[in-house]
């Protein structure tokens, strides 16, 4: 039986979302534990990049894999 390509696509979208959430969590931890300003700025940058990646990459992949209109 052939594998459904939608399953692999769903797994890829889920993996991107989980990676973004983990990166954002890492950034929040870095901000919370930092004593100086430089690590805090880096943590905020990581959080913003993770949120942007999660939103843009998942949206791009969903548009790329959209079914053609009849």
N, C-alpha and C. Protein backbone atom coordinates (compact mmCIF):
# COMPACT_ATOMS: atom_id res chain seq x y z
N UNK A 1 0.84 -1.16 0.00
CA UNK A 1 0.00 0.00 0.00
C UNK A 1 0.90 1.25 0.00
N UNK A 2 0.58 2.21 -0.82
CA UNK A 2 1.37 3.43 -0.93
C UNK A 2 1.07 4.36 0.24
N UNK A 3 2.12 5.08 0.67
CA UNK A 3 1.95 6.04 1.76
C UNK A 3 1.30 7.31 1.23
N UNK A 4 0.46 7.87 2.05
CA UNK A 4 -0.22 9.11 1.69
C UNK A 4 0.76 10.27 1.89
N UNK A 5 0.98 11.11 0.86
CA UNK A 5 1.91 12.22 1.03
C UNK A 5 1.43 13.25 2.06
N UNK A 6 0.15 13.28 2.33
CA UNK A 6 -0.37 14.22 3.31
C UNK A 6 0.16 13.90 4.71
N UNK A 7 0.42 12.64 5.00
CA UNK A 7 0.95 12.26 6.30
C UNK A 7 2.35 12.83 6.50
N UNK A 8 3.18 12.73 5.47
CA UNK A 8 4.53 13.28 5.56
C UNK A 8 4.50 14.80 5.66
N UNK A 9 3.59 15.42 4.95
CA UNK A 9 3.47 16.88 5.00
C UNK A 9 3.00 17.34 6.37
N UNK A 10 2.04 16.63 6.94
CA UNK A 10 1.56 16.96 8.28
C UNK A 10 2.70 16.81 9.30
N UNK A 11 3.50 15.76 9.16
CA UNK A 11 4.62 15.54 10.07
C UNK A 11 5.65 16.66 9.94
N UNK A 12 5.91 17.12 8.72
CA UNK A 12 6.86 18.21 8.52
C UNK A 12 6.34 19.51 9.14
N UNK A 13 5.07 19.82 8.93
CA UNK A 13 4.50 21.03 9.53
C UNK A 13 4.55 20.95 11.06
N UNK A 14 4.25 19.78 11.60
CA UNK A 14 4.30 19.61 13.06
C UNK A 14 5.72 19.75 13.58
N UNK A 15 6.69 19.21 12.85
CA UNK A 15 8.09 19.31 13.28
C UNK A 15 8.56 20.76 13.27
N UNK A 16 8.15 21.53 12.28
CA UNK A 16 8.53 22.95 12.23
C UNK A 16 7.91 23.69 13.41
N UNK A 17 6.66 23.39 13.71
CA UNK A 17 6.00 24.05 14.84
C UNK A 17 6.67 23.70 16.16
N UNK A 18 7.03 22.44 16.35
CA UNK A 18 7.70 22.01 17.58
C UNK A 18 9.08 22.64 17.69
N UNK A 19 9.82 22.70 16.58
CA UNK A 19 11.14 23.33 16.59
C UNK A 19 11.04 24.80 16.95
N UNK A 20 10.03 25.48 16.41
CA UNK A 20 9.83 26.89 16.75
C UNK A 20 9.49 27.07 18.22
N UNK A 21 8.66 26.20 18.74
CA UNK A 21 8.29 26.29 20.16
C UNK A 21 9.50 26.02 21.05
N UNK A 22 10.31 25.06 20.69
CA UNK A 22 11.51 24.77 21.49
C UNK A 22 12.50 25.93 21.44
N UNK A 23 12.67 26.51 20.27
CA UNK A 23 13.58 27.65 20.15
C UNK A 23 13.06 28.84 20.96
N UNK A 24 11.76 29.09 20.90
CA UNK A 24 11.19 30.19 21.69
C UNK A 24 11.35 29.93 23.18
N UNK A 25 11.19 28.70 23.61
CA UNK A 25 11.38 28.34 25.01
C UNK A 25 12.83 28.56 25.43
N UNK A 26 13.76 28.18 24.56
CA UNK A 26 15.17 28.41 24.84
C UNK A 26 15.45 29.90 25.00
N UNK A 27 14.86 30.72 24.14
CA UNK A 27 15.05 32.16 24.24
C UNK A 27 14.49 32.73 25.53
N UNK A 28 13.31 32.25 25.93
CA UNK A 28 12.70 32.73 27.19
C UNK A 28 13.57 32.33 28.38
N UNK A 29 14.09 31.12 28.36
CA UNK A 29 14.97 30.68 29.45
C UNK A 29 16.23 31.53 29.49
N UNK A 30 16.77 31.83 28.32
CA UNK A 30 17.97 32.67 28.25
C UNK A 30 17.69 34.06 28.81
N UNK A 31 16.54 34.63 28.47
CA UNK A 31 16.18 35.95 28.99
C UNK A 31 16.01 35.90 30.51
N UNK A 32 15.39 34.85 31.00
CA UNK A 32 15.10 34.76 32.43
C UNK A 32 16.37 34.56 33.27
N UNK A 33 17.34 33.85 32.75
CA UNK A 33 18.53 33.55 33.53
C UNK A 33 19.71 34.49 33.30
N UNK A 34 19.58 35.36 32.32
CA UNK A 34 20.69 36.25 31.98
C UNK A 34 20.86 37.34 33.04
N UNK A 35 22.10 37.65 33.34
CA UNK A 35 22.39 38.72 34.29
C UNK A 35 22.80 40.00 33.58
N UNK A 36 23.35 39.88 32.38
CA UNK A 36 23.77 41.05 31.61
C UNK A 36 22.75 41.33 30.51
N UNK A 37 22.94 42.47 29.83
CA UNK A 37 22.00 42.85 28.77
C UNK A 37 22.23 42.09 27.47
N UNK A 38 23.47 41.76 27.17
CA UNK A 38 23.76 41.09 25.89
C UNK A 38 23.04 39.74 25.77
N UNK A 39 23.12 38.87 26.78
CA UNK A 39 22.37 37.61 26.67
C UNK A 39 20.85 37.81 26.62
N UNK A 40 20.37 38.83 27.29
CA UNK A 40 18.93 39.11 27.24
C UNK A 40 18.50 39.53 25.85
N UNK A 41 19.30 40.38 25.22
CA UNK A 41 18.98 40.80 23.84
C UNK A 41 19.03 39.60 22.91
N UNK A 42 20.03 38.73 23.11
CA UNK A 42 20.12 37.51 22.30
C UNK A 42 18.90 36.63 22.51
N UNK A 43 18.45 36.50 23.75
CA UNK A 43 17.26 35.70 24.04
C UNK A 43 16.02 36.26 23.38
N UNK A 44 15.86 37.57 23.43
CA UNK A 44 14.70 38.20 22.77
C UNK A 44 14.79 37.98 21.26
N UNK A 45 15.99 38.09 20.70
CA UNK A 45 16.16 37.86 19.26
C UNK A 45 15.82 36.42 18.89
N UNK A 46 16.20 35.48 19.74
CA UNK A 46 15.89 34.07 19.47
C UNK A 46 14.38 33.86 19.51
N UNK A 47 13.71 34.45 20.49
CA UNK A 47 12.25 34.30 20.59
C UNK A 47 11.57 34.89 19.36
N UNK A 48 11.97 36.09 18.96
CA UNK A 48 11.35 36.72 17.79
C UNK A 48 11.62 35.93 16.51
N UNK A 49 12.85 35.43 16.37
CA UNK A 49 13.18 34.63 15.19
C UNK A 49 12.39 33.32 15.17
N UNK A 50 12.22 32.71 16.33
CA UNK A 50 11.46 31.46 16.40
C UNK A 50 10.00 31.68 16.04
N UNK A 51 9.42 32.76 16.54
CA UNK A 51 8.03 33.06 16.21
C UNK A 51 7.87 33.38 14.72
N UNK A 52 8.81 34.14 14.18
CA UNK A 52 8.75 34.46 12.75
C UNK A 52 8.92 33.21 11.91
N UNK A 53 9.85 32.34 12.32
CA UNK A 53 10.07 31.10 11.58
C UNK A 53 8.83 30.21 11.62
N UNK A 54 8.24 30.09 12.78
CA UNK A 54 7.06 29.23 12.91
C UNK A 54 5.93 29.74 12.03
N UNK A 55 5.71 31.04 12.02
CA UNK A 55 4.63 31.60 11.22
C UNK A 55 4.90 31.58 9.74
N UNK A 56 6.10 31.96 9.35
CA UNK A 56 6.38 32.08 7.91
C UNK A 56 6.63 30.74 7.24
N UNK A 57 7.39 29.87 7.89
CA UNK A 57 7.72 28.59 7.26
C UNK A 57 6.48 27.71 7.14
N UNK A 58 5.67 27.64 8.20
CA UNK A 58 4.47 26.81 8.11
C UNK A 58 3.50 27.37 7.08
N UNK A 59 3.36 28.69 7.02
CA UNK A 59 2.49 29.29 6.01
C UNK A 59 2.99 29.04 4.60
N UNK A 60 4.30 29.16 4.41
CA UNK A 60 4.87 28.91 3.08
C UNK A 60 4.68 27.46 2.65
N UNK A 61 4.94 26.54 3.57
CA UNK A 61 4.77 25.13 3.22
C UNK A 61 3.31 24.79 2.95
N UNK A 62 2.40 25.36 3.71
CA UNK A 62 0.98 25.10 3.48
C UNK A 62 0.54 25.62 2.12
N UNK A 63 1.03 26.80 1.73
CA UNK A 63 0.70 27.32 0.39
C UNK A 63 1.33 26.48 -0.70
N UNK A 64 2.54 26.03 -0.46
CA UNK A 64 3.25 25.22 -1.47
C UNK A 64 2.54 23.88 -1.69
N UNK A 65 2.04 23.31 -0.63
CA UNK A 65 1.42 21.99 -0.72
C UNK A 65 -0.09 22.04 -0.89
N UNK A 66 -0.65 23.22 -1.10
CA UNK A 66 -2.10 23.36 -1.25
C UNK A 66 -2.56 22.58 -2.47
N UNK A 67 -3.72 21.99 -2.35
CA UNK A 67 -4.30 21.24 -3.48
C UNK A 67 -4.70 22.23 -4.57
N UNK A 68 -4.55 21.85 -5.83
CA UNK A 68 -4.94 22.76 -6.92
C UNK A 68 -6.45 22.99 -6.92
N UNK A 69 -6.83 24.19 -7.30
CA UNK A 69 -8.26 24.52 -7.39
C UNK A 69 -8.85 23.86 -8.63
N UNK A 70 -10.06 23.34 -8.52
CA UNK A 70 -10.68 22.67 -9.69
C UNK A 70 -11.09 23.64 -10.76
